[in-house]
Amino acid sequence: AGEWAYGDGERIPIGIFYQTRKPTYEEKVLGERIPVKLKPGNIRSILEKHI
């Protein structure tokens, strides 16, 4: 990024000057681990056992 003299009469660029990719919260927490995918029927049986 540079400094611009607004009075010089040159056009001022407008738009994306640079982009950085930052990890999302889930990417930070999970890292390289793959989350477990539960089948819809599993949740009810687990809740019935523990509640």
PDB file of N, CA and C in Angstrom:
ATOM      1  N   ALA A   1       0.846  -1.175   0.000  1.00  0.00           N
ATOM      2  CA  ALA A   1       0.000   0.000   0.000  1.00  0.00           C
ATOM      3  C   ALA A   1       0.887   1.232   0.000  1.00  0.00           C
ATOM      4  N   GLY A   2       0.452   2.232  -0.698  1.00  0.00           N
ATOM      5  CA  GLY A   2       1.238   3.463  -0.768  1.00  0.00           C
ATOM      6  C   GLY A   2       0.430   4.649  -0.303  1.00  0.00           C
ATOM      7  N   GLU A   3       1.117   5.770  -0.158  1.00  0.00           N
ATOM      8  CA  GLU A   3       0.440   6.999   0.234  1.00  0.00           C
ATOM      9  C   GLU A   3       0.001   7.739  -1.023  1.00  0.00           C
ATOM     10  N   TRP A   4      -1.118   8.435  -0.926  1.00  0.00           N
ATOM     11  CA  TRP A   4      -1.651   9.149  -2.066  1.00  0.00           C
ATOM     12  C   TRP A   4      -1.765  10.623  -1.741  1.00  0.00           C
ATOM     13  N   ALA A   5      -1.353  11.452  -2.699  1.00  0.00           N
ATOM     14  CA  ALA A   5      -1.538  12.897  -2.571  1.00  0.00           C
ATOM     15  C   ALA A   5      -2.854  13.222  -3.265  1.00  0.00           C
ATOM     16  N   TYR A   6      -3.857  13.534  -2.491  1.00  0.00           N
ATOM     17  CA  TYR A   6      -5.200  13.711  -3.038  1.00  0.00           C
ATOM     18  C   TYR A   6      -5.330  14.960  -3.909  1.00  0.00           C
ATOM     19  N   GLY A   7      -4.420  15.907  -3.812  1.00  0.00           N
ATOM     20  CA  GLY A   7      -4.514  17.127  -4.591  1.00  0.00           C
ATOM     21  C   GLY A   7      -3.776  17.088  -5.911  1.00  0.00           C
ATOM     22  N   ASP A   8      -3.076  15.998  -6.251  1.00  0.00           N
ATOM     23  CA  ASP A   8      -2.282  15.922  -7.475  1.00  0.00           C
ATOM     24  C   ASP A   8      -3.113  15.746  -8.738  1.00  0.00           C
ATOM     25  N   GLY A   9      -4.349  15.386  -8.622  1.00  0.00           N
ATOM     26  CA  GLY A   9      -5.178  15.191  -9.801  1.00  0.00           C
ATOM     27  C   GLY A   9      -5.099  13.792 -10.371  1.00  0.00           C
ATOM     28  N   GLU A  10      -4.265  12.936  -9.813  1.00  0.00           N
ATOM     29  CA  GLU A  10      -4.204  11.551 -10.285  1.00  0.00           C
ATOM     30  C   GLU A  10      -5.410  10.787  -9.760  1.00  0.00           C
ATOM     31  N   ARG A  11      -5.762   9.754 -10.480  1.00  0.00           N
ATOM     32  CA  ARG A  11      -6.882   8.928 -10.036  1.00  0.00           C
ATOM     33  C   ARG A  11      -6.464   8.113  -8.817  1.00  0.00           C
ATOM     34  N   ILE A  12      -7.376   7.987  -7.898  1.00  0.00           N
ATOM     35  CA  ILE A  12      -7.125   7.220  -6.681  1.00  0.00           C
ATOM     36  C   ILE A  12      -7.725   5.831  -6.871  1.00  0.00           C
ATOM     37  N   PRO A  13      -6.906   4.785  -6.747  1.00  0.00           N
ATOM     38  CA  PRO A  13      -7.440   3.432  -6.931  1.00  0.00           C
ATOM     39  C   PRO A  13      -8.400   3.073  -5.798  1.00  0.00           C
ATOM     40  N   ILE A  14      -9.503   2.474  -6.179  1.00  0.00           N
ATOM     41  CA  ILE A  14     -10.483   2.025  -5.203  1.00  0.00           C
ATOM     42  C   ILE A  14     -10.711   0.538  -5.443  1.00  0.00           C
ATOM     43  N   GLY A  15     -10.660  -0.234  -4.392  1.00  0.00           N
ATOM     44  CA  GLY A  15     -10.885  -1.668  -4.516  1.00  0.00           C
ATOM     45  C   GLY A  15     -10.080  -2.410  -3.474  1.00  0.00           C
ATOM     46  N   ILE A  16      -9.855  -3.667  -3.736  1.00  0.00           N
ATOM     47  CA  ILE A  16      -9.104  -4.512  -2.808  1.00  0.00           C
ATOM     48  C   ILE A  16      -7.619  -4.290  -3.061  1.00  0.00           C
ATOM     49  N   PHE A  17      -6.920  -3.817  -2.050  1.00  0.00           N
ATOM     50  CA  PHE A  17      -5.480  -3.591  -2.177  1.00  0.00           C
ATOM     51  C   PHE A  17      -4.704  -4.870  -1.898  1.00  0.00           C
ATOM     52  N   TYR A  18      -5.165  -5.642  -0.922  1.00  0.00           N
ATOM     53  CA  TYR A  18      -4.540  -6.921  -0.615  1.00  0.00           C
ATOM     54  C   TYR A  18      -5.553  -7.780   0.126  1.00  0.00           C
ATOM     55  N   GLN A  19      -5.338  -9.075   0.096  1.00  0.00           N
ATOM     56  CA  GLN A  19      -6.203 -10.000   0.814  1.00  0.00           C
ATOM     57  C   GLN A  19      -5.335 -10.927   1.639  1.00  0.00           C
ATOM     58  N   THR A  20      -5.814 -11.247   2.810  1.00  0.00           N
ATOM     59  CA  THR A  20      -5.162 -12.262   3.630  1.00  0.00           C
ATOM     60  C   THR A  20      -6.215 -13.275   4.032  1.00  0.00           C
ATOM     61  N   ARG A  21      -5.817 -14.510   4.090  1.00  0.00           N
ATOM     62  CA  ARG A  21      -6.734 -15.556   4.518  1.00  0.00           C
ATOM     63  C   ARG A  21      -6.407 -15.900   5.955  1.00  0.00           C
ATOM     64  N   LYS A  22      -7.399 -15.792   6.808  1.00  0.00           N
ATOM     65  CA  LYS A  22      -7.229 -16.147   8.213  1.00  0.00           C
ATOM     66  C   LYS A  22      -8.108 -17.352   8.504  1.00  0.00           C
ATOM     67  N   PRO A  23      -7.632 -18.246   9.367  1.00  0.00           N
ATOM     68  CA  PRO A  23      -8.440 -19.428   9.679  1.00  0.00           C
ATOM     69  C   PRO A  23      -9.703 -19.058  10.447  1.00  0.00           C
ATOM     70  N   THR A  24     -10.759 -19.805  10.186  1.00  0.00           N
ATOM     71  CA  THR A  24     -12.008 -19.597  10.914  1.00  0.00           C
ATOM     72  C   THR A  24     -11.876 -20.173  12.317  1.00  0.00           C
ATOM     73  N   TYR A  25     -12.852 -19.898  13.167  1.00  0.00           N
ATOM     74  CA  TYR A  25     -12.836 -20.424  14.531  1.00  0.00           C
ATOM     75  C   TYR A  25     -12.783 -21.952  14.517  1.00  0.00           C
ATOM     76  N   GLU A  26     -13.599 -22.569  13.658  1.00  0.00           N
ATOM     77  CA  GLU A  26     -13.628 -24.022  13.584  1.00  0.00           C
ATOM     78  C   GLU A  26     -12.280 -24.582  13.138  1.00  0.00           C
ATOM     79  N   GLU A  27     -11.636 -23.934  12.190  1.00  0.00           N
ATOM     80  CA  GLU A  27     -10.327 -24.398  11.733  1.00  0.00           C
ATOM     81  C   GLU A  27      -9.289 -24.290  12.841  1.00  0.00           C
ATOM     82  N   LYS A  28      -9.368 -23.235  13.650  1.00  0.00           N
ATOM     83  CA  LYS A  28      -8.435 -23.089  14.767  1.00  0.00           C
ATOM     84  C   LYS A  28      -8.650 -24.178  15.803  1.00  0.00           C
ATOM     85  N   VAL A  29      -9.912 -24.442  16.141  1.00  0.00           N
ATOM     86  CA  VAL A  29     -10.228 -25.410  17.192  1.00  0.00           C
ATOM     87  C   VAL A  29      -9.952 -26.838  16.731  1.00  0.00           C
ATOM     88  N   LEU A  30     -10.411 -27.177  15.529  1.00  0.00           N
ATOM     89  CA  LEU A  30     -10.282 -28.548  15.054  1.00  0.00           C
ATOM     90  C   LEU A  30      -8.894 -28.861  14.512  1.00  0.00           C
ATOM     91  N   GLY A  31      -8.228 -27.896  13.943  1.00  0.00           N
ATOM     92  CA  GLY A  31      -6.924 -28.157  13.343  1.00  0.00           C
ATOM     93  C   GLY A  31      -7.069 -29.125  12.185  1.00  0.00           C
ATOM     94  N   GLU A  32      -6.319 -30.197  12.213  1.00  0.00           N
ATOM     95  CA  GLU A  32      -6.364 -31.200  11.147  1.00  0.00           C
ATOM     96  C   GLU A  32      -7.335 -32.331  11.462  1.00  0.00           C
ATOM     97  N   ARG A  33      -7.955 -32.309  12.645  1.00  0.00           N
ATOM     98  CA  ARG A  33      -8.876 -33.378  13.031  1.00  0.00           C
ATOM     99  C   ARG A  33     -10.153 -33.303  12.209  1.00  0.00           C
ATOM    100  N   ILE A  34     -10.708 -34.441  11.919  1.00  0.00           N
ATOM    101  CA  ILE A  34     -11.954 -34.522  11.165  1.00  0.00           C
ATOM    102  C   ILE A  34     -13.089 -34.707  12.167  1.00  0.00           C
ATOM    103  N   PRO A  35     -14.103 -33.852  12.131  1.00  0.00           N
ATOM    104  CA  PRO A  35     -15.209 -34.001  13.083  1.00  0.00           C
ATOM    105  C   PRO A  35     -16.016 -35.271  12.815  1.00  0.00           C
ATOM    106  N   VAL A  36     -16.576 -35.824  13.872  1.00  0.00           N
ATOM    107  CA  VAL A  36     -17.385 -37.034  13.762  1.00  0.00           C
ATOM    108  C   VAL A  36     -18.766 -36.651  13.241  1.00  0.00           C
ATOM    109  N   LYS A  37     -19.258 -37.411  12.308  1.00  0.00           N
ATOM    110  CA  LYS A  37     -20.597 -37.162  11.778  1.00  0.00           C
ATOM    111  C   LYS A  37     -21.536 -38.212  12.367  1.00  0.00           C
ATOM    112  N   LEU A  38     -22.538 -37.744  13.107  1.00  0.00           N
ATOM    113  CA  LEU A  38     -23.514 -38.644  13.702  1.00  0.00           C
ATOM    114  C   LEU A  38     -24.679 -38.852  12.751  1.00  0.00           C
ATOM    115  N   LYS A  39     -25.217 -40.044  12.784  1.00  0.00           N
ATOM    116  CA  LYS A  39     -26.428 -40.315  12.022  1.00  0.00           C
ATOM    117  C   LYS A  39     -27.597 -39.739  12.806  1.00  0.00           C
ATOM    118  N   PRO A  40     -28.655 -39.304  12.156  1.00  0.00           N
ATOM    119  CA  PRO A  40     -29.784 -38.689  12.863  1.00  0.00           C
ATOM    120  C   PRO A  40     -30.369 -39.559  13.969  1.00  0.00           C
ATOM    121  N   GLY A  41     -30.396 -40.873  13.822  1.00  0.00           N
ATOM    122  CA  GLY A  41     -30.972 -41.761  14.827  1.00  0.00           C
ATOM    123  C   GLY A  41     -30.104 -41.917  16.065  1.00  0.00           C
ATOM    124  N   ASN A  42     -28.815 -41.689  15.962  1.00  0.00           N
ATOM    125  CA  ASN A  42     -27.904 -41.905  17.079  1.00  0.00           C
ATOM    126  C   ASN A  42     -28.141 -40.947  18.234  1.00  0.00           C
ATOM    127  N   ILE A  43     -28.513 -39.751  17.968  1.00  0.00           N
ATOM    128  CA  ILE A  43     -28.612 -38.727  19.005  1.00  0.00           C
ATOM    129  C   ILE A  43     -29.702 -39.079  20.013  1.00  0.00           C
ATOM    130  N   ARG A  44     -30.852 -39.514  19.562  1.00  0.00           N
ATOM    131  CA  ARG A  44     -31.947 -39.849  20.476  1.00  0.00           C
ATOM    132  C   ARG A  44     -31.555 -40.995  21.404  1.00  0.00           C
ATOM    133  N   SER A  45     -30.930 -42.045  20.877  1.00  0.00           N
ATOM    134  CA  SER A  45     -30.540 -43.175  21.726  1.00  0.00           C
ATOM    135  C   SER A  45     -29.476 -42.764  22.737  1.00  0.00           C
ATOM    136  N   ILE A  46     -28.577 -41.896  22.362  1.00  0.00           N
ATOM    137  CA  ILE A  46     -27.550 -41.412  23.292  1.00  0.00           C
ATOM    138  C   ILE A  46     -28.194 -40.594  24.397  1.00  0.00           C
ATOM    139  N   LEU A  47     -29.128 -39.723  24.046  1.00  0.00           N
ATOM    140  CA  LEU A  47     -29.807 -38.910  25.054  1.00  0.00           C
ATOM    141  C   LEU A  47     -30.623 -39.772  26.010  1.00  0.00           C
ATOM    142  N   GLU A  48     -31.294 -40.788  25.499  1.00  0.00           N
ATOM    143  CA  GLU A  48     -32.092 -41.667  26.357  1.00  0.00           C
ATOM    144  C   GLU A  48     -31.221 -42.424  27.351  1.00  0.00           C
ATOM    145  N   LYS A  49     -30.017 -42.792  26.963  1.00  0.00           N
ATOM    146  CA  LYS A  49     -29.113 -43.512  27.867  1.00  0.00           C
ATOM    147  C   LYS A  49     -28.576 -42.610  28.970  1.00  0.00           C
ATOM    148  N   HIS A  50     -28.328 -41.352  28.670  1.00  0.00           N
ATOM    149  CA  HIS A  50     -27.629 -40.472  29.608  1.00  0.00           C
ATOM    150  C   HIS A  50     -28.522 -39.480  30.328  1.00  0.00           C
ATOM    151  N   ILE A  51     -29.788 -39.408  29.971  1.00  0.00           N
ATOM    152  CA  ILE A  51     -30.660 -38.440  30.658  1.00  0.00           C
ATOM    153  C   ILE A  51     -31.699 -39.186  31.468  1.00  0.00           C
TER     154      ILE A  51
END
